[in-house]
């Protein structure tokens, strides 16, 4: 498996993770570098879900 395939697999898994669990992992991580990576994954997953909601025909502001 190439590096790009591994990264895509991580992103795909992140999209389906429970956001509450992922946020708790971010908040309790002690290593700042690892916490930054986990937060970026959390933000990515949240953004992906928000985009899906915004695209809904019934979505209004």
PDB file of N, CA and C in Angstrom:
ATOM      1  N   UNK A   1       0.845  -1.174   0.000  1.00  0.00           N
ATOM      2  CA  UNK A   1       0.000   0.000   0.000  1.00  0.00           C
ATOM      3  C   UNK A   1       0.893   1.242   0.000  1.00  0.00           C
ATOM      4  N   UNK A   2       0.591   2.177  -0.869  1.00  0.00           N
ATOM      5  CA  UNK A   2       1.403   3.382  -0.954  1.00  0.00           C
ATOM      6  C   UNK A   2       1.037   4.353   0.168  1.00  0.00           C
ATOM      7  N   UNK A   3       1.891   5.352   0.360  1.00  0.00           N
ATOM      8  CA  UNK A   3       1.629   6.362   1.381  1.00  0.00           C
ATOM      9  C   UNK A   3       0.315   7.095   1.108  1.00  0.00           C
ATOM     10  N   UNK A   4       0.068   7.415  -0.154  1.00  0.00           N
ATOM     11  CA  UNK A   4      -1.162   8.119  -0.506  1.00  0.00           C
ATOM     12  C   UNK A   4      -2.397   7.269  -0.201  1.00  0.00           C
ATOM     13  N   UNK A   5      -2.307   5.992  -0.464  1.00  0.00           N
ATOM     14  CA  UNK A   5      -3.422   5.089  -0.168  1.00  0.00           C
ATOM     15  C   UNK A   5      -3.657   5.000   1.341  1.00  0.00           C
ATOM     16  N   UNK A   6      -2.579   4.967   2.110  1.00  0.00           N
ATOM     17  CA  UNK A   6      -2.706   4.904   3.564  1.00  0.00           C
ATOM     18  C   UNK A   6      -3.358   6.175   4.095  1.00  0.00           C
ATOM     19  N   UNK A   7      -2.954   7.320   3.571  1.00  0.00           N
ATOM     20  CA  UNK A   7      -3.554   8.585   4.005  1.00  0.00           C
ATOM     21  C   UNK A   7      -5.036   8.641   3.633  1.00  0.00           C
ATOM     22  N   UNK A   8      -5.367   8.194   2.439  1.00  0.00           N
ATOM     23  CA  UNK A   8      -6.772   8.175   2.028  1.00  0.00           C
ATOM     24  C   UNK A   8      -7.597   7.250   2.923  1.00  0.00           C
ATOM     25  N   UNK A   9      -7.020   6.136   3.310  1.00  0.00           N
ATOM     26  CA  UNK A   9      -7.706   5.203   4.214  1.00  0.00           C
ATOM     27  C   UNK A   9      -7.953   5.858   5.578  1.00  0.00           C
ATOM     28  N   UNK A  10      -6.975   6.580   6.087  1.00  0.00           N
ATOM     29  CA  UNK A  10      -7.131   7.282   7.365  1.00  0.00           C
ATOM     30  C   UNK A  10      -8.249   8.311   7.263  1.00  0.00           C
ATOM     31  N   UNK A  11      -8.265   9.078   6.184  1.00  0.00           N
ATOM     32  CA  UNK A  11      -9.306  10.092   6.006  1.00  0.00           C
ATOM     33  C   UNK A  11     -10.693   9.453   5.878  1.00  0.00           C
ATOM     34  N   UNK A  12     -10.789   8.354   5.165  1.00  0.00           N
ATOM     35  CA  UNK A  12     -12.075   7.674   5.022  1.00  0.00           C
ATOM     36  C   UNK A  12     -12.570   7.123   6.351  1.00  0.00           C
ATOM     37  N   UNK A  13     -11.669   6.585   7.159  1.00  0.00           N
ATOM     38  CA  UNK A  13     -12.053   6.078   8.476  1.00  0.00           C
ATOM     39  C   UNK A  13     -12.494   7.222   9.379  1.00  0.00           C
ATOM     40  N   UNK A  14     -11.812   8.359   9.251  1.00  0.00           N
ATOM     41  CA  UNK A  14     -12.135   9.519  10.077  1.00  0.00           C
ATOM     42  C   UNK A  14     -13.535  10.030   9.772  1.00  0.00           C
ATOM     43  N   UNK A  15     -13.943   9.965   8.512  1.00  0.00           N
ATOM     44  CA  UNK A  15     -15.277  10.444   8.119  1.00  0.00           C
ATOM     45  C   UNK A  15     -16.390   9.680   8.818  1.00  0.00           C
ATOM     46  N   UNK A  16     -16.158   8.425   9.152  1.00  0.00           N
ATOM     47  CA  UNK A  16     -17.210   7.592   9.740  1.00  0.00           C
ATOM     48  C   UNK A  16     -17.095   7.445  11.258  1.00  0.00           C
ATOM     49  N   UNK A  17     -16.077   8.036  11.845  1.00  0.00           N
ATOM     50  CA  UNK A  17     -15.888   7.923  13.297  1.00  0.00           C
ATOM     51  C   UNK A  17     -16.925   8.736  14.053  1.00  0.00           C
ATOM     52  N   UNK A  18     -17.185   8.332  15.272  1.00  0.00           N
ATOM     53  CA  UNK A  18     -18.035   9.097  16.169  1.00  0.00           C
ATOM     54  C   UNK A  18     -17.265  10.364  16.564  1.00  0.00           C
ATOM     55  N   UNK A  19     -17.823  11.530  16.258  1.00  0.00           N
ATOM     56  CA  UNK A  19     -17.119  12.788  16.523  1.00  0.00           C
ATOM     57  C   UNK A  19     -16.922  13.044  18.012  1.00  0.00           C
ATOM     58  N   UNK A  20     -17.852  12.604  18.829  1.00  0.00           N
ATOM     59  CA  UNK A  20     -17.702  12.785  20.276  1.00  0.00           C
ATOM     60  C   UNK A  20     -16.495  12.021  20.808  1.00  0.00           C
ATOM     61  N   UNK A  21     -16.331  10.815  20.329  1.00  0.00           N
ATOM     62  CA  UNK A  21     -15.185  10.000  20.749  1.00  0.00           C
ATOM     63  C   UNK A  21     -13.887  10.630  20.266  1.00  0.00           C
ATOM     64  N   UNK A  22     -13.873  11.054  19.023  1.00  0.00           N
ATOM     65  CA  UNK A  22     -12.670  11.680  18.463  1.00  0.00           C
ATOM     66  C   UNK A  22     -12.320  12.955  19.219  1.00  0.00           C
ATOM     67  N   UNK A  23     -13.313  13.758  19.563  1.00  0.00           N
ATOM     68  CA  UNK A  23     -13.056  14.985  20.321  1.00  0.00           C
ATOM     69  C   UNK A  23     -12.479  14.662  21.694  1.00  0.00           C
ATOM     70  N   UNK A  24     -13.001  13.636  22.360  1.00  0.00           N
ATOM     71  CA  UNK A  24     -12.468  13.252  23.670  1.00  0.00           C
ATOM     72  C   UNK A  24     -11.014  12.800  23.572  1.00  0.00           C
ATOM     73  N   UNK A  25     -10.688  12.101  22.500  1.00  0.00           N
ATOM     74  CA  UNK A  25      -9.299  11.676  22.289  1.00  0.00           C
ATOM     75  C   UNK A  25      -8.408  12.905  22.112  1.00  0.00           C
ATOM     76  N   UNK A  26      -8.873  13.876  21.342  1.00  0.00           N
ATOM     77  CA  UNK A  26      -8.106  15.111  21.130  1.00  0.00           C
ATOM     78  C   UNK A  26      -7.887  15.835  22.451  1.00  0.00           C
ATOM     79  N   UNK A  27      -8.939  15.970  23.225  1.00  0.00           N
ATOM     80  CA  UNK A  27      -8.854  16.737  24.471  1.00  0.00           C
ATOM     81  C   UNK A  27      -7.975  16.083  25.524  1.00  0.00           C
ATOM     82  N   UNK A  28      -7.848  14.767  25.485  1.00  0.00           N
ATOM     83  CA  UNK A  28      -7.075  14.069  26.509  1.00  0.00           C
ATOM     84  C   UNK A  28      -5.675  13.650  26.060  1.00  0.00           C
ATOM     85  N   UNK A  29      -5.314  13.985  24.832  1.00  0.00           N
ATOM     86  CA  UNK A  29      -3.975  13.638  24.336  1.00  0.00           C
ATOM     87  C   UNK A  29      -2.937  14.550  24.991  1.00  0.00           C
ATOM     88  N   UNK A  30      -1.863  13.969  25.506  1.00  0.00           N
ATOM     89  CA  UNK A  30      -0.825  14.722  26.195  1.00  0.00           C
ATOM     90  C   UNK A  30       0.248  15.276  25.246  1.00  0.00           C
ATOM     91  N   UNK A  31       0.536  14.549  24.193  1.00  0.00           N
ATOM     92  CA  UNK A  31       1.576  14.953  23.240  1.00  0.00           C
ATOM     93  C   UNK A  31       1.021  16.037  22.318  1.00  0.00           C
ATOM     94  N   UNK A  32       1.582  17.252  22.356  1.00  0.00           N
ATOM     95  CA  UNK A  32       1.055  18.360  21.547  1.00  0.00           C
ATOM     96  C   UNK A  32       1.068  18.085  20.042  1.00  0.00           C
ATOM     97  N   UNK A  33       2.082  17.406  19.552  1.00  0.00           N
ATOM     98  CA  UNK A  33       2.153  17.113  18.118  1.00  0.00           C
ATOM     99  C   UNK A  33       1.046  16.138  17.715  1.00  0.00           C
ATOM    100  N   UNK A  34       0.869  15.101  18.510  1.00  0.00           N
ATOM    101  CA  UNK A  34      -0.179  14.118  18.229  1.00  0.00           C
ATOM    102  C   UNK A  34      -1.558  14.756  18.382  1.00  0.00           C
ATOM    103  N   UNK A  35      -1.702  15.628  19.370  1.00  0.00           N
ATOM    104  CA  UNK A  35      -2.963  16.322  19.579  1.00  0.00           C
ATOM    105  C   UNK A  35      -3.307  17.200  18.368  1.00  0.00           C
ATOM    106  N   UNK A  36      -2.311  17.851  17.791  1.00  0.00           N
ATOM    107  CA  UNK A  36      -2.536  18.696  16.615  1.00  0.00           C
ATOM    108  C   UNK A  36      -3.009  17.867  15.424  1.00  0.00           C
ATOM    109  N   UNK A  37      -2.428  16.700  15.241  1.00  0.00           N
ATOM    110  CA  UNK A  37      -2.836  15.815  14.140  1.00  0.00           C
ATOM    111  C   UNK A  37      -4.266  15.323  14.369  1.00  0.00           C
ATOM    112  N   UNK A  38      -4.561  14.907  15.594  1.00  0.00           N
ATOM    113  CA  UNK A  38      -5.902  14.427  15.905  1.00  0.00           C
ATOM    114  C   UNK A  38      -6.943  15.536  15.751  1.00  0.00           C
ATOM    115  N   UNK A  39      -6.577  16.758  16.139  1.00  0.00           N
ATOM    116  CA  UNK A  39      -7.495  17.889  15.980  1.00  0.00           C
ATOM    117  C   UNK A  39      -7.747  18.176  14.507  1.00  0.00           C
ATOM    118  N   UNK A  40      -6.716  18.071  13.698  1.00  0.00           N
ATOM    119  CA  UNK A  40      -6.882  18.273  12.256  1.00  0.00           C
ATOM    120  C   UNK A  40      -7.821  17.219  11.675  1.00  0.00           C
ATOM    121  N   UNK A  41      -7.700  15.973  12.127  1.00  0.00           N
ATOM    122  CA  UNK A  41      -8.604  14.915  11.677  1.00  0.00           C
ATOM    123  C   UNK A  41     -10.033  15.194  12.142  1.00  0.00           C
ATOM    124  N   UNK A  42     -10.178  15.667  13.363  1.00  0.00           N
ATOM    125  CA  UNK A  42     -11.504  16.027  13.887  1.00  0.00           C
ATOM    126  C   UNK A  42     -12.118  17.142  13.049  1.00  0.00           C
ATOM    127  N   UNK A  43     -11.336  18.183  12.784  1.00  0.00           N
ATOM    128  CA  UNK A  43     -11.827  19.299  11.972  1.00  0.00           C
ATOM    129  C   UNK A  43     -12.236  18.837  10.576  1.00  0.00           C
ATOM    130  N   UNK A  44     -11.450  17.945   9.998  1.00  0.00           N
ATOM    131  CA  UNK A  44     -11.754  17.405   8.673  1.00  0.00           C
ATOM    132  C   UNK A  44     -13.087  16.651   8.690  1.00  0.00           C
ATOM    133  N   UNK A  45     -13.268  15.804   9.687  1.00  0.00           N
ATOM    134  CA  UNK A  45     -14.501  15.027   9.787  1.00  0.00           C
ATOM    135  C   UNK A  45     -15.699  15.944  10.008  1.00  0.00           C
ATOM    136  N   UNK A  46     -15.544  16.929  10.858  1.00  0.00           N
ATOM    137  CA  UNK A  46     -16.625  17.873  11.133  1.00  0.00           C
ATOM    138  C   UNK A  46     -16.971  18.677   9.882  1.00  0.00           C
ATOM    139  N   UNK A  47     -15.961  19.173   9.191  1.00  0.00           N
ATOM    140  CA  UNK A  47     -16.190  19.931   7.955  1.00  0.00           C
ATOM    141  C   UNK A  47     -16.908  19.090   6.914  1.00  0.00           C
ATOM    142  N   UNK A  48     -16.506  17.832   6.781  1.00  0.00           N
ATOM    143  CA  UNK A  48     -17.132  16.935   5.809  1.00  0.00           C
ATOM    144  C   UNK A  48     -18.615  16.767   6.114  1.00  0.00           C
ATOM    145  N   UNK A  49     -18.945  16.593   7.382  1.00  0.00           N
ATOM    146  CA  UNK A  49     -20.353  16.411   7.762  1.00  0.00           C
ATOM    147  C   UNK A  49     -21.148  17.698   7.609  1.00  0.00           C
ATOM    148  N   UNK A  50     -20.527  18.832   7.907  1.00  0.00           N
ATOM    149  CA  UNK A  50     -21.219  20.105   7.744  1.00  0.00           C
ATOM    150  C   UNK A  50     -21.524  20.371   6.271  1.00  0.00           C
ATOM    151  N   UNK A  51     -20.602  20.046   5.406  1.00  0.00           N
ATOM    152  CA  UNK A  51     -20.821  20.232   3.967  1.00  0.00           C
ATOM    153  C   UNK A  51     -22.012  19.391   3.508  1.00  0.00           C
ATOM    154  N   UNK A  52     -22.107  18.167   4.003  1.00  0.00           N
ATOM    155  CA  UNK A  52     -23.231  17.298   3.637  1.00  0.00           C
ATOM    156  C   UNK A  52     -24.561  17.898   4.081  1.00  0.00           C
ATOM    157  N   UNK A  53     -24.592  18.477   5.265  1.00  0.00           N
ATOM    158  CA  UNK A  53     -25.821  19.085   5.777  1.00  0.00           C
ATOM    159  C   UNK A  53     -26.176  20.324   4.951  1.00  0.00           C
ATOM    160  N   UNK A  54     -25.209  21.150   4.656  1.00  0.00           N
ATOM    161  CA  UNK A  54     -25.445  22.379   3.902  1.00  0.00           C
ATOM    162  C   UNK A  54     -25.957  22.076   2.498  1.00  0.00           C
ATOM    163  N   UNK A  55     -25.521  20.977   1.913  1.00  0.00           N
ATOM    164  CA  UNK A  55     -25.942  20.615   0.560  1.00  0.00           C
ATOM    165  C   UNK A  55     -27.387  20.120   0.499  1.00  0.00           C
ATOM    166  N   UNK A  56     -27.977  19.804   1.626  1.00  0.00           N
ATOM    167  CA  UNK A  56     -29.357  19.323   1.626  1.00  0.00           C
ATOM    168  C   UNK A  56     -30.285  20.400   1.088  1.00  0.00           C
ATOM    169  N   UNK A  57     -31.225  19.988   0.294  1.00  0.00           N
ATOM    170  CA  UNK A  57     -32.166  20.903  -0.335  1.00  0.00           C
ATOM    171  C   UNK A  57     -32.973  21.665   0.733  1.00  0.00           C
ATOM    172  N   UNK A  58     -33.302  21.016   1.805  1.00  0.00           N
ATOM    173  CA  UNK A  58     -34.126  21.639   2.849  1.00  0.00           C
ATOM    174  C   UNK A  58     -33.333  22.527   3.798  1.00  0.00           C
ATOM    175  N   UNK A  59     -32.029  22.589   3.623  1.00  0.00           N
ATOM    176  CA  UNK A  59     -31.196  23.396   4.530  1.00  0.00           C
ATOM    177  C   UNK A  59     -31.426  24.876   4.273  1.00  0.00           C
ATOM    178  N   UNK A  60     -31.732  25.618   5.316  1.00  0.00           N
ATOM    179  CA  UNK A  60     -31.858  27.080   5.219  1.00  0.00           C
ATOM    180  C   UNK A  60     -31.155  27.717   6.397  1.00  0.00           C
ATOM    181  N   UNK A  61     -30.721  28.926   6.187  1.00  0.00           N
ATOM    182  CA  UNK A  61     -30.038  29.659   7.250  1.00  0.00           C
ATOM    183  C   UNK A  61     -31.022  30.561   7.942  1.00  0.00           C
TER     184      UNK A  61
END
